[in-house]
Structures are given as structure tokens and as C-alpha cells.
Amino acid sequence: MYEKIGTDQEGRDLRLMDVLESEPVDVVENLEIQKDIRRMRECMGSVLDERERKVIAGRYGLNGQKELTQREIAGLLGISRSYVSRLEKRALEKMRSEMDMKPQNPVKFV
């Protein structure tokens, strides 16, 4: 319930509890956020290699991890901080390119 599941439009952490407690007016916005999170996770799995996934997950606190600095990630992976920076930049570019290429599936209401 308290695990970070994404961020809202203002960059604040979004947790499951926030979604459950939100006003009904926010339901469509929350569905859009969840769809974007799913697309991002699919993109990470399909276009990033293992090292790039570790860098992105560490930098942005994904998969229940706390957010780490480039220096902390460098220490964990045994590489330089500048290489972490290059990996992060390349991974984000790959993800952005992939997400721009794939059309979004519209949210369907039944």
C-alpha cells in the first residue's frame, strides 16, 4: 500500500494508498498514470539491458528500492560515476524513443 507506484503530474510520489483515497474526479487521471507506468515497465524490460535496468531502477527508486545517487550505483556495480551517467542517459533515450514509437492504447470504459 505504501510502495511507490509512480509520480503524479507535479512530480510527487504516487502510492497505492493515494490512489485508493483519491476523489472520484481523479479516477481517469489515475488510470492514465497507471497506464503510463505499465508502458514504462514494459519498455524497460524490452529495450534495456540488465545493467541499464539496474541503473534506472536505482536512480529512480523503482521495484521497492530507495533512490540512489550515481556515485552509490557506481559503487554497487563496480564502475565509474561518469559511466553510470552515460548508462542512465542512454537508457532514458532508448526508453523515450521506444515509448514515442509505440502508440498508446486508449483507456476503455465498460
PDB file of N, CA and C in Angstrom:
ATOM      1  N   MET A   1       0.818  -1.200   0.000  1.00  0.00           N
ATOM      2  CA  MET A   1       0.000   0.000   0.000  1.00  0.00           C
ATOM      3  C   MET A   1       0.865   1.268   0.000  1.00  0.00           C
ATOM      4  N   TYR A   2       2.040   1.203   0.620  1.00  0.00           N
ATOM      5  CA  TYR A   2       2.875   2.392   0.734  1.00  0.00           C
ATOM      6  C   TYR A   2       4.003   2.426  -0.292  1.00  0.00           C
ATOM      7  N   GLU A   3       4.122   1.380  -1.110  1.00  0.00           N
ATOM      8  CA  GLU A   3       5.180   1.347  -2.109  1.00  0.00           C
ATOM      9  C   GLU A   3       4.884   2.345  -3.221  1.00  0.00           C
ATOM     10  N   LYS A   4       5.917   3.018  -3.672  1.00  0.00           N
ATOM     11  CA  LYS A   4       5.786   3.986  -4.755  1.00  0.00           C
ATOM     12  C   LYS A   4       5.401   3.256  -6.040  1.00  0.00           C
ATOM     13  N   ILE A   5       4.329   3.735  -6.694  1.00  0.00           N
ATOM     14  CA  ILE A   5       3.895   3.116  -7.944  1.00  0.00           C
ATOM     15  C   ILE A   5       4.050   4.062  -9.115  1.00  0.00           C
ATOM     16  N   GLY A   6       4.520   5.266  -8.855  1.00  0.00           N
ATOM     17  CA  GLY A   6       4.725   6.233  -9.924  1.00  0.00           C
ATOM     18  C   GLY A   6       4.751   7.644  -9.369  1.00  0.00           C
ATOM     19  N   THR A   7       4.614   8.607 -10.256  1.00  0.00           N
ATOM     20  CA  THR A   7       4.564  10.001  -9.852  1.00  0.00           C
ATOM     21  C   THR A   7       3.378  10.670 -10.523  1.00  0.00           C
ATOM     22  N   ASP A   8       2.857  11.712  -9.877  1.00  0.00           N
ATOM     23  CA  ASP A   8       1.754  12.442 -10.479  1.00  0.00           C
ATOM     24  C   ASP A   8       2.303  13.500 -11.426  1.00  0.00           C
ATOM     25  N   GLN A   9       1.425  14.322 -11.993  1.00  0.00           N
ATOM     26  CA  GLN A   9       1.846  15.307 -12.987  1.00  0.00           C
ATOM     27  C   GLN A   9       2.773  16.359 -12.405  1.00  0.00           C
ATOM     28  N   GLU A  10       2.753  16.545 -11.099  1.00  0.00           N
ATOM     29  CA  GLU A  10       3.611  17.534 -10.450  1.00  0.00           C
ATOM     30  C   GLU A  10       4.906  16.927  -9.935  1.00  0.00           C
ATOM     31  N   GLY A  11       5.144  15.659 -10.240  1.00  0.00           N
ATOM     32  CA  GLY A  11       6.384  15.002  -9.853  1.00  0.00           C
ATOM     33  C   GLY A  11       6.389  14.422  -8.449  1.00  0.00           C
ATOM     34  N   ARG A  12       5.246  14.445  -7.766  1.00  0.00           N
ATOM     35  CA  ARG A  12       5.174  13.877  -6.416  1.00  0.00           C
ATOM     36  C   ARG A  12       4.994  12.372  -6.499  1.00  0.00           C
ATOM     37  N   ASP A  13       5.546  11.667  -5.491  1.00  0.00           N
ATOM     38  CA  ASP A  13       5.391  10.216  -5.445  1.00  0.00           C
ATOM     39  C   ASP A  13       3.921   9.843  -5.350  1.00  0.00           C
ATOM     40  N   LEU A  14       3.537   8.801  -6.075  1.00  0.00           N
ATOM     41  CA  LEU A  14       2.180   8.282  -6.038  1.00  0.00           C
ATOM     42  C   LEU A  14       2.248   6.875  -5.470  1.00  0.00           C
ATOM     43  N   ARG A  15       1.469   6.634  -4.434  1.00  0.00           N
ATOM     44  CA  ARG A  15       1.428   5.326  -3.795  1.00  0.00           C
ATOM     45  C   ARG A  15       0.023   4.747  -3.945  1.00  0.00           C
ATOM     46  N   LEU A  16      -0.108   3.439  -3.825  1.00  0.00           N
ATOM     47  CA  LEU A  16      -1.400   2.785  -3.971  1.00  0.00           C
ATOM     48  C   LEU A  16      -2.415   3.406  -3.025  1.00  0.00           C
ATOM     49  N   MET A  17      -1.997   3.699  -1.805  1.00  0.00           N
ATOM     50  CA  MET A  17      -2.912   4.290  -0.831  1.00  0.00           C
ATOM     51  C   MET A  17      -3.455   5.626  -1.339  1.00  0.00           C
ATOM     52  N   ASP A  18      -2.618   6.413  -2.012  1.00  0.00           N
ATOM     53  CA  ASP A  18      -3.068   7.695  -2.565  1.00  0.00           C
ATOM     54  C   ASP A  18      -4.173   7.481  -3.595  1.00  0.00           C
ATOM     55  N   VAL A  19      -4.015   6.449  -4.421  1.00  0.00           N
ATOM     56  CA  VAL A  19      -5.000   6.164  -5.458  1.00  0.00           C
ATOM     57  C   VAL A  19      -6.321   5.741  -4.820  1.00  0.00           C
ATOM     58  N   LEU A  20      -6.233   4.892  -3.806  1.00  0.00           N
ATOM     59  CA  LEU A  20      -7.445   4.410  -3.162  1.00  0.00           C
ATOM     60  C   LEU A  20      -8.175   5.507  -2.405  1.00  0.00           C
ATOM     61  N   GLU A  21      -7.442   6.480  -1.878  1.00  0.00           N
ATOM     62  CA  GLU A  21      -8.049   7.552  -1.099  1.00  0.00           C
ATOM     63  C   GLU A  21      -8.477   8.733  -1.960  1.00  0.00           C
ATOM     64  N   SER A  22      -8.157   8.723  -3.251  1.00  0.00           N
ATOM     65  CA  SER A  22      -8.412   9.891  -4.091  1.00  0.00           C
ATOM     66  C   SER A  22      -9.906  10.091  -4.342  1.00  0.00           C
ATOM     67  N   GLU A  23     -10.235  11.302  -4.699  1.00  0.00           N
ATOM     68  CA  GLU A  23     -11.606  11.663  -5.044  1.00  0.00           C
ATOM     69  C   GLU A  23     -11.988  10.977  -6.351  1.00  0.00           C
ATOM     70  N   PRO A  24     -13.263  10.704  -6.572  1.00  0.00           N
ATOM     71  CA  PRO A  24     -13.692  10.077  -7.833  1.00  0.00           C
ATOM     72  C   PRO A  24     -13.297  10.885  -9.066  1.00  0.00           C
ATOM     73  N   VAL A  25     -13.158  12.189  -8.923  1.00  0.00           N
ATOM     74  CA  VAL A  25     -12.791  13.044 -10.045  1.00  0.00           C
ATOM     75  C   VAL A  25     -11.410  12.668 -10.582  1.00  0.00           C
ATOM     76  N   ASP A  26     -10.542  12.135  -9.736  1.00  0.00           N
ATOM     77  CA  ASP A  26      -9.180  11.801 -10.119  1.00  0.00           C
ATOM     78  C   ASP A  26      -9.053  10.411 -10.745  1.00  0.00           C
ATOM     79  N   VAL A  27     -10.124   9.675 -10.861  1.00  0.00           N
ATOM     80  CA  VAL A  27     -10.057   8.293 -11.328  1.00  0.00           C
ATOM     81  C   VAL A  27      -9.468   8.208 -12.737  1.00  0.00           C
ATOM     82  N   VAL A  28      -9.930   9.025 -13.651  1.00  0.00           N
ATOM     83  CA  VAL A  28      -9.432   8.978 -15.029  1.00  0.00           C
ATOM     84  C   VAL A  28      -7.952   9.332 -15.065  1.00  0.00           C
ATOM     85  N   GLU A  29      -7.573  10.368 -14.332  1.00  0.00           N
ATOM     86  CA  GLU A  29      -6.159  10.754 -14.275  1.00  0.00           C
ATOM     87  C   GLU A  29      -5.315   9.614 -13.710  1.00  0.00           C
ATOM     88  N   ASN A  30      -5.795   8.967 -12.661  1.00  0.00           N
ATOM     89  CA  ASN A  30      -5.047   7.858 -12.064  1.00  0.00           C
ATOM     90  C   ASN A  30      -4.946   6.674 -13.012  1.00  0.00           C
ATOM     91  N   LEU A  31      -5.990   6.421 -13.790  1.00  0.00           N
ATOM     92  CA  LEU A  31      -5.924   5.347 -14.788  1.00  0.00           C
ATOM     93  C   LEU A  31      -4.872   5.656 -15.847  1.00  0.00           C
ATOM     94  N   GLU A  32      -4.795   6.915 -16.261  1.00  0.00           N
ATOM     95  CA  GLU A  32      -3.787   7.329 -17.236  1.00  0.00           C
ATOM     96  C   GLU A  32      -2.385   7.155 -16.669  1.00  0.00           C
ATOM     97  N   ILE A  33      -2.204   7.521 -15.416  1.00  0.00           N
ATOM     98  CA  ILE A  33      -0.894   7.370 -14.761  1.00  0.00           C
ATOM     99  C   ILE A  33      -0.513   5.900 -14.702  1.00  0.00           C
ATOM    100  N   GLN A  34      -1.462   5.053 -14.308  1.00  0.00           N
ATOM    101  CA  GLN A  34      -1.183   3.618 -14.224  1.00  0.00           C
ATOM    102  C   GLN A  34      -0.831   3.035 -15.591  1.00  0.00           C
ATOM    103  N   LYS A  35      -1.525   3.500 -16.622  1.00  0.00           N
ATOM    104  CA  LYS A  35      -1.236   3.034 -17.984  1.00  0.00           C
ATOM    105  C   LYS A  35       0.180   3.443 -18.385  1.00  0.00           C
ATOM    106  N   ASP A  36       0.558   4.675 -18.063  1.00  0.00           N
ATOM    107  CA  ASP A  36       1.907   5.149 -18.385  1.00  0.00           C
ATOM    108  C   ASP A  36       2.963   4.349 -17.634  1.00  0.00           C
ATOM    109  N   ILE A  37       2.692   4.015 -16.382  1.00  0.00           N
ATOM    110  CA  ILE A  37       3.633   3.219 -15.588  1.00  0.00           C
ATOM    111  C   ILE A  37       3.800   1.833 -16.199  1.00  0.00           C
ATOM    112  N   ARG A  38       2.703   1.218 -16.602  1.00  0.00           N
ATOM    113  CA  ARG A  38       2.776  -0.099 -17.251  1.00  0.00           C
ATOM    114  C   ARG A  38       3.596  -0.032 -18.534  1.00  0.00           C
ATOM    115  N   ARG A  39       3.356   0.997 -19.338  1.00  0.00           N
ATOM    116  CA  ARG A  39       4.116   1.161 -20.586  1.00  0.00           C
ATOM    117  C   ARG A  39       5.601   1.327 -20.299  1.00  0.00           C
ATOM    118  N   MET A  40       5.916   2.110 -19.266  1.00  0.00           N
ATOM    119  CA  MET A  40       7.312   2.343 -18.920  1.00  0.00           C
ATOM    120  C   MET A  40       7.985   1.037 -18.483  1.00  0.00           C
ATOM    121  N   ARG A  41       7.297   0.266 -17.646  1.00  0.00           N
ATOM    122  CA  ARG A  41       7.871  -1.008 -17.182  1.00  0.00           C
ATOM    123  C   ARG A  41       8.061  -1.985 -18.338  1.00  0.00           C
ATOM    124  N   GLU A  42       7.085  -2.057 -19.236  1.00  0.00           N
ATOM    125  CA  GLU A  42       7.223  -2.923 -20.417  1.00  0.00           C
ATOM    126  C   GLU A  42       8.408  -2.479 -21.264  1.00  0.00           C
ATOM    127  N   CYS A  43       8.538  -1.180 -21.420  1.00  0.00           N
ATOM    128  CA  CYS A  43       9.631  -0.616 -22.207  1.00  0.00           C
ATOM    129  C   CYS A  43      10.977  -0.954 -21.568  1.00  0.00           C
ATOM    130  N   MET A  44      11.063  -0.809 -20.254  1.00  0.00           N
ATOM    131  CA  MET A  44      12.311  -1.143 -19.557  1.00  0.00           C
ATOM    132  C   MET A  44      12.709  -2.580 -19.824  1.00  0.00           C
ATOM    133  N   GLY A  45      11.728  -3.482 -19.752  1.00  0.00           N
ATOM    134  CA  GLY A  45      12.015  -4.897 -19.940  1.00  0.00           C
ATOM    135  C   GLY A  45      12.384  -5.269 -21.361  1.00  0.00           C
ATOM    136  N   SER A  46      11.865  -4.515 -22.319  1.00  0.00           N
ATOM    137  CA  SER A  46      12.089  -4.910 -23.711  1.00  0.00           C
ATOM    138  C   SER A  46      13.281  -4.228 -24.377  1.00  0.00           C
ATOM    139  N   VAL A  47      13.652  -3.022 -23.947  1.00  0.00           N
ATOM    140  CA  VAL A  47      14.713  -2.307 -24.671  1.00  0.00           C
ATOM    141  C   VAL A  47      15.999  -2.098 -23.873  1.00  0.00           C
ATOM    142  N   LEU A  48      15.958  -2.280 -22.563  1.00  0.00           N
ATOM    143  CA  LEU A  48      17.161  -2.048 -21.764  1.00  0.00           C
ATOM    144  C   LEU A  48      17.860  -3.348 -21.435  1.00  0.00           C
ATOM    145  N   ASP A  49      19.194  -3.304 -21.396  1.00  0.00           N
ATOM    146  CA  ASP A  49      19.922  -4.479 -20.932  1.00  0.00           C
ATOM    147  C   ASP A  49      19.922  -4.477 -19.394  1.00  0.00           C
ATOM    148  N   GLU A  50      20.433  -5.534 -18.816  1.00  0.00           N
ATOM    149  CA  GLU A  50      20.389  -5.719 -17.357  1.00  0.00           C
ATOM    150  C   GLU A  50      21.045  -4.558 -16.608  1.00  0.00           C
ATOM    151  N   ARG A  51      22.195  -4.128 -17.057  1.00  0.00           N
ATOM    152  CA  ARG A  51      22.914  -3.045 -16.373  1.00  0.00           C
ATOM    153  C   ARG A  51      22.127  -1.736 -16.454  1.00  0.00           C
ATOM    154  N   GLU A  52      21.554  -1.448 -17.619  1.00  0.00           N
ATOM    155  CA  GLU A  52      20.750  -0.235 -17.775  1.00  0.00           C
ATOM    156  C   GLU A  52      19.525  -0.278 -16.862  1.00  0.00           C
ATOM    157  N   ARG A  53      18.888  -1.459 -16.758  1.00  0.00           N
ATOM    158  CA  ARG A  53      17.732  -1.599 -15.859  1.00  0.00           C
ATOM    159  C   ARG A  53      18.134  -1.346 -14.417  1.00  0.00           C
ATOM    160  N   LYS A  54      19.286  -1.864 -14.010  1.00  0.00           N
ATOM    161  CA  LYS A  54      19.753  -1.639 -12.638  1.00  0.00           C
ATOM    162  C   LYS A  54      20.009  -0.159 -12.372  1.00  0.00           C
ATOM    163  N   VAL A  55      20.594   0.521 -13.328  1.00  0.00           N
ATOM    164  CA  VAL A  55      20.872   1.955 -13.179  1.00  0.00           C
ATOM    165  C   VAL A  55      19.567   2.736 -13.048  1.00  0.00           C
ATOM    166  N   ILE A  56      18.625   2.490 -13.934  1.00  0.00           N
ATOM    167  CA  ILE A  56      17.360   3.224 -13.905  1.00  0.00           C
ATOM    168  C   ILE A  56      16.574   2.905 -12.631  1.00  0.00           C
ATOM    169  N   ALA A  57      16.508   1.639 -12.263  1.00  0.00           N
ATOM    170  CA  ALA A  57      15.785   1.262 -11.043  1.00  0.00           C
ATOM    171  C   ALA A  57      16.413   1.921  -9.817  1.00  0.00           C
ATOM    172  N   GLY A  58      17.727   1.952  -9.763  1.00  0.00           N
ATOM    173  CA  GLY A  58      18.404   2.577  -8.638  1.00  0.00           C
ATOM    174  C   GLY A  58      18.249   4.084  -8.609  1.00  0.00           C
ATOM    175  N   ARG A  59      18.395   4.711  -9.746  1.00  0.00           N
ATOM    176  CA  ARG A  59      18.319   6.181  -9.807  1.00  0.00           C
ATOM    177  C   ARG A  59      16.931   6.688  -9.444  1.00  0.00           C
ATOM    178  N   TYR A  60      15.884   5.957  -9.847  1.00  0.00           N
ATOM    179  CA  TYR A  60      14.520   6.438  -9.669  1.00  0.00           C
ATOM    180  C   TYR A  60      13.734   5.671  -8.603  1.00  0.00           C
ATOM    181  N   GLY A  61      14.416   4.820  -7.861  1.00  0.00           N
ATOM    182  CA  GLY A  61      13.767   4.137  -6.753  1.00  0.00           C
ATOM    183  C   GLY A  61      12.650   3.197  -7.179  1.00  0.00           C
ATOM    184  N   LEU A  62      12.855   2.447  -8.238  1.00  0.00           N
ATOM    185  CA  LEU A  62      11.842   1.512  -8.722  1.00  0.00           C
ATOM    186  C   LEU A  62      11.989   0.168  -8.040  1.00  0.00           C
ATOM    187  N   ASN A  63      10.955  -0.646  -8.137  1.00  0.00           N
ATOM    188  CA  ASN A  63      10.954  -2.008  -7.589  1.00  0.00           C
ATOM    189  C   ASN A  63      11.234  -2.025  -6.090  1.00  0.00           C
ATOM    190  N   GLY A  64      10.721  -1.045  -5.380  1.00  0.00           N
ATOM    191  CA  GLY A  64      10.869  -1.008  -3.928  1.00  0.00           C
ATOM    192  C   GLY A  64      12.221  -0.537  -3.437  1.00  0.00           C
ATOM    193  N   GLN A  65      13.103  -0.142  -4.335  1.00  0.00           N
ATOM    194  CA  GLN A  65      14.422   0.351  -3.934  1.00  0.00           C
ATOM    195  C   GLN A  65      14.320   1.811  -3.522  1.00  0.00           C
ATOM    196  N   LYS A  66      15.302   2.250  -2.736  1.00  0.00           N
ATOM    197  CA  LYS A  66      15.371   3.684  -2.469  1.00  0.00           C
ATOM    198  C   LYS A  66      16.154   4.326  -3.613  1.00  0.00           C
ATOM    199  N   GLU A  67      15.913   5.608  -3.827  1.00  0.00           N
ATOM    200  CA  GLU A  67      16.636   6.319  -4.874  1.00  0.00           C
ATOM    201  C   GLU A  67      18.105   6.431  -4.486  1.00  0.00           C
ATOM    202  N   LEU A  68      18.981   6.153  -5.436  1.00  0.00           N
ATOM    203  CA  LEU A  68      20.422   6.185  -5.201  1.00  0.00           C
ATOM    204  C   LEU A  68      21.078   7.251  -6.066  1.00  0.00           C
ATOM    205  N   THR A  69      22.190   7.750  -5.609  1.00  0.00           N
ATOM    206  CA  THR A  69      22.972   8.688  -6.409  1.00  0.00           C
ATOM    207  C   THR A  69      23.765   7.901  -7.449  1.00  0.00           C
ATOM    208  N   GLN A  70      24.271   8.614  -8.447  1.00  0.00           N
ATOM    209  CA  GLN A  70      25.116   7.953  -9.437  1.00  0.00           C
ATOM    210  C   GLN A  70      26.349   7.361  -8.774  1.00  0.00           C
ATOM    211  N   ARG A  71      26.888   8.045  -7.787  1.00  0.00           N
ATOM    212  CA  ARG A  71      28.068   7.552  -7.079  1.00  0.00           C
ATOM    213  C   ARG A  71      27.761   6.241  -6.347  1.00  0.00           C
ATOM    214  N   GLU A  72      26.585   6.158  -5.705  1.00  0.00           N
ATOM    215  CA  GLU A  72      26.202   4.929  -4.999  1.00  0.00           C
ATOM    216  C   GLU A  72      26.024   3.771  -5.979  1.00  0.00           C
ATOM    217  N   ILE A  73      25.396   4.035  -7.100  1.00  0.00           N
ATOM    218  CA  ILE A  73      25.213   2.989  -8.112  1.00  0.00           C
ATOM    219  C   ILE A  73      26.556   2.545  -8.668  1.00  0.00           C
ATOM    220  N   ALA A  74      27.446   3.497  -8.902  1.00  0.00           N
ATOM    221  CA  ALA A  74      28.785   3.165  -9.395  1.00  0.00           C
ATOM    222  C   ALA A  74      29.485   2.206  -8.440  1.00  0.00           C
ATOM    223  N   GLY A  75      29.379   2.475  -7.147  1.00  0.00           N
ATOM    224  CA  GLY A  75      29.998   1.594  -6.151  1.00  0.00           C
ATOM    225  C   GLY A  75      29.396   0.202  -6.173  1.00  0.00           C
ATOM    226  N   LEU A  76      28.081   0.122  -6.298  1.00  0.00           N
ATOM    227  CA  LEU A  76      27.408  -1.185  -6.320  1.00  0.00           C
ATOM    228  C   LEU A  76      27.758  -2.005  -7.558  1.00  0.00           C
ATOM    229  N   LEU A  77      27.907  -1.326  -8.691  1.00  0.00           N
ATOM    230  CA  LEU A  77      28.177  -2.024  -9.949  1.00  0.00           C
ATOM    231  C   LEU A  77      29.659  -2.131 -10.275  1.00  0.00           C
ATOM    232  N   GLY A  78      30.504  -1.454  -9.489  1.00  0.00           N
ATOM    233  CA  GLY A  78      31.942  -1.512  -9.738  1.00  0.00           C
ATOM    234  C   GLY A  78      32.361  -0.783 -10.999  1.00  0.00           C
ATOM    235  N   ILE A  79      31.681   0.323 -11.292  1.00  0.00           N
ATOM    236  CA  ILE A  79      32.014   1.127 -12.472  1.00  0.00           C
ATOM    237  C   ILE A  79      32.155   2.584 -12.038  1.00  0.00           C
ATOM    238  N   SER A  80      32.601   3.445 -12.941  1.00  0.00           N
ATOM    239  CA  SER A  80      32.790   4.859 -12.583  1.00  0.00           C
ATOM    240  C   SER A  80      31.451   5.601 -12.569  1.00  0.00           C
ATOM    241  N   ARG A  81      31.416   6.706 -11.840  1.00  0.00           N
ATOM    242  CA  ARG A  81      30.225   7.544 -11.778  1.00  0.00           C
ATOM    243  C   ARG A  81      29.889   8.099 -13.156  1.00  0.00           C
ATOM    244  N   SER A  82      30.907   8.470 -13.912  1.00  0.00           N
ATOM    245  CA  SER A  82      30.650   9.020 -15.245  1.00  0.00           C
ATOM    246  C   SER A  82      30.061   7.958 -16.174  1.00  0.00           C
ATOM    247  N   TYR A  83      30.452   6.688 -15.985  1.00  0.00           N
ATOM    248  CA  TYR A  83      29.869   5.626 -16.800  1.00  0.00           C
ATOM    249  C   TYR A  83      28.400   5.413 -16.422  1.00  0.00           C
ATOM    250  N   VAL A  84      28.085   5.526 -15.122  1.00  0.00           N
ATOM    251  CA  VAL A  84      26.688   5.435 -14.681  1.00  0.00           C
ATOM    252  C   VAL A  84      25.883   6.540 -15.355  1.00  0.00           C
ATOM    253  N   SER A  85      26.450   7.745 -15.411  1.00  0.00           N
ATOM    254  CA  SER A  85      25.771   8.871 -16.048  1.00  0.00           C
ATOM    255  C   SER A  85      25.491   8.568 -17.519  1.00  0.00           C
ATOM    256  N   ARG A  86      26.472   8.017 -18.216  1.00  0.00           N
ATOM    257  CA  ARG A  86      26.283   7.680 -19.631  1.00  0.00           C
ATOM    258  C   ARG A  86      25.231   6.583 -19.805  1.00  0.00           C
ATOM    259  N   LEU A  87      25.286   5.560 -18.933  1.00  0.00           N
ATOM    260  CA  LEU A  87      24.291   4.486 -18.999  1.00  0.00           C
ATOM    261  C   LEU A  87      22.885   5.020 -18.762  1.00  0.00           C
ATOM    262  N   GLU A  88      22.756   5.892 -17.767  1.00  0.00           N
ATOM    263  CA  GLU A  88      21.448   6.467 -17.453  1.00  0.00           C
ATOM    264  C   GLU A  88      20.915   7.265 -18.645  1.00  0.00           C
ATOM    265  N   LYS A  89      21.751   8.098 -19.205  1.00  0.00           N
ATOM    266  CA  LYS A  89      21.336   8.919 -20.338  1.00  0.00           C
ATOM    267  C   LYS A  89      20.929   8.045 -21.524  1.00  0.00           C
ATOM    268  N   ARG A  90      21.742   7.042 -21.827  1.00  0.00           N
ATOM    269  CA  ARG A  90      21.445   6.157 -22.954  1.00  0.00           C
ATOM    270  C   ARG A  90      20.144   5.378 -22.714  1.00  0.00           C
ATOM    271  N   ALA A  91      19.966   4.890 -21.485  1.00  0.00           N
ATOM    272  CA  ALA A  91      18.756   4.122 -21.162  1.00  0.00           C
ATOM    273  C   ALA A  91      17.507   4.989 -21.297  1.00  0.00           C
ATOM    274  N   LEU A  92      17.568   6.217 -20.796  1.00  0.00           N
ATOM    275  CA  LEU A  92      16.414   7.116 -20.888  1.00  0.00           C
ATOM    276  C   LEU A  92      16.106   7.455 -22.346  1.00  0.00           C
ATOM    277  N   GLU A  93      17.147   7.645 -23.152  1.00  0.00           N
ATOM    278  CA  GLU A  93      16.934   7.921 -24.581  1.00  0.00           C
ATOM    279  C   GLU A  93      16.294   6.727 -25.277  1.00  0.00           C
ATOM    280  N   LYS A  94      16.744   5.515 -24.959  1.00  0.00           N
ATOM    281  CA  LYS A  94      16.171   4.314 -25.556  1.00  0.00           C
ATOM    282  C   LYS A  94      14.698   4.169 -25.172  1.00  0.00           C
ATOM    283  N   MET A  95      14.407   4.410 -23.888  1.00  0.00           N
ATOM    284  CA  MET A  95      13.028   4.292 -23.426  1.00  0.00           C
ATOM    285  C   MET A  95      12.138   5.354 -24.070  1.00  0.00           C
ATOM    286  N   ARG A  96      12.625   6.585 -24.125  1.00  0.00           N
ATOM    287  CA  ARG A  96      11.846   7.668 -24.733  1.00  0.00           C
ATOM    288  C   ARG A  96      11.558   7.354 -26.200  1.00  0.00           C
ATOM    289  N   SER A  97      12.566   6.888 -26.906  1.00  0.00           N
ATOM    290  CA  SER A  97      12.396   6.554 -28.317  1.00  0.00           C
ATOM    291  C   SER A  97      11.377   5.429 -28.489  1.00  0.00           C
ATOM    292  N   GLU A  98      11.489   4.406 -27.684  1.00  0.00           N
ATOM    293  CA  GLU A  98      10.568   3.266 -27.773  1.00  0.00           C
ATOM    294  C   GLU A  98       9.139   3.689 -27.441  1.00  0.00           C
ATOM    295  N   MET A  99       8.972   4.486 -26.394  1.00  0.00           N
ATOM    296  CA  MET A  99       7.633   4.904 -25.994  1.00  0.00           C
ATOM    297  C   MET A  99       7.021   5.851 -27.023  1.00  0.00           C
ATOM    298  N   ASP A 100       7.844   6.644 -27.682  1.00  0.00           N
ATOM    299  CA  ASP A 100       7.337   7.527 -28.731  1.00  0.00           C
ATOM    300  C   ASP A 100       6.899   6.737 -29.958  1.00  0.00           C
ATOM    301  N   MET A 101       7.565   5.604 -30.222  1.00  0.00           N
ATOM    302  CA  MET A 101       7.253   4.794 -31.397  1.00  0.00           C
ATOM    303  C   MET A 101       5.970   3.989 -31.214  1.00  0.00           C
ATOM    304  N   LYS A 102       5.727   3.499 -29.992  1.00  0.00           N
ATOM    305  CA  LYS A 102       4.555   2.659 -29.748  1.00  0.00           C
ATOM    306  C   LYS A 102       3.354   3.533 -29.431  1.00  0.00           C
ATOM    307  N   PRO A 103       2.268   3.363 -30.165  1.00  0.00           N
ATOM    308  CA  PRO A 103       1.071   4.153 -29.853  1.00  0.00           C
ATOM    309  C   PRO A 103       0.465   3.705 -28.531  1.00  0.00           C
ATOM    310  N   GLN A 104      -0.136   4.661 -27.854  1.00  0.00           N
ATOM    311  CA  GLN A 104      -0.803   4.343 -26.592  1.00  0.00           C
ATOM    312  C   GLN A 104      -2.134   3.685 -26.888  1.00  0.00           C
ATOM    313  N   ASN A 105      -2.485   2.705 -26.072  1.00  0.00           N
ATOM    314  CA  ASN A 105      -3.810   2.125 -26.163  1.00  0.00           C
ATOM    315  C   ASN A 105      -4.738   2.988 -25.328  1.00  0.00           C
ATOM    316  N   PRO A 106      -5.851   3.429 -25.883  1.00  0.00           N
ATOM    317  CA  PRO A 106      -6.754   4.280 -25.112  1.00  0.00           C
ATOM    318  C   PRO A 106      -7.360   3.527 -23.935  1.00  0.00           C
ATOM    319  N   VAL A 107      -7.654   4.278 -22.880  1.00  0.00           N
ATOM    320  CA  VAL A 107      -8.327   3.693 -21.718  1.00  0.00           C
ATOM    321  C   VAL A 107      -9.762   3.406 -22.134  1.00  0.00           C
ATOM    322  N   LYS A 108     -10.209   2.172 -21.900  1.00  0.00           N
ATOM    323  CA  LYS A 108     -11.563   1.807 -22.276  1.00  0.00           C
ATOM    324  C   LYS A 108     -12.421   1.702 -21.027  1.00  0.00           C
ATOM    325  N   PHE A 109     -13.589   2.276 -21.106  1.00  0.00           N
ATOM    326  CA  PHE A 109     -14.555   2.194 -20.017  1.00  0.00           C
ATOM    327  C   PHE A 109     -15.694   1.288 -20.454  1.00  0.00           C
ATOM    328  N   VAL A 110     -16.053   0.389 -19.584  1.00  0.00           N
ATOM    329  CA  VAL A 110     -17.118  -0.561 -19.919  1.00  0.00           C
ATOM    330  C   VAL A 110     -18.396  -0.136 -19.281  1.00  0.00           C
TER     331      VAL A 110
END
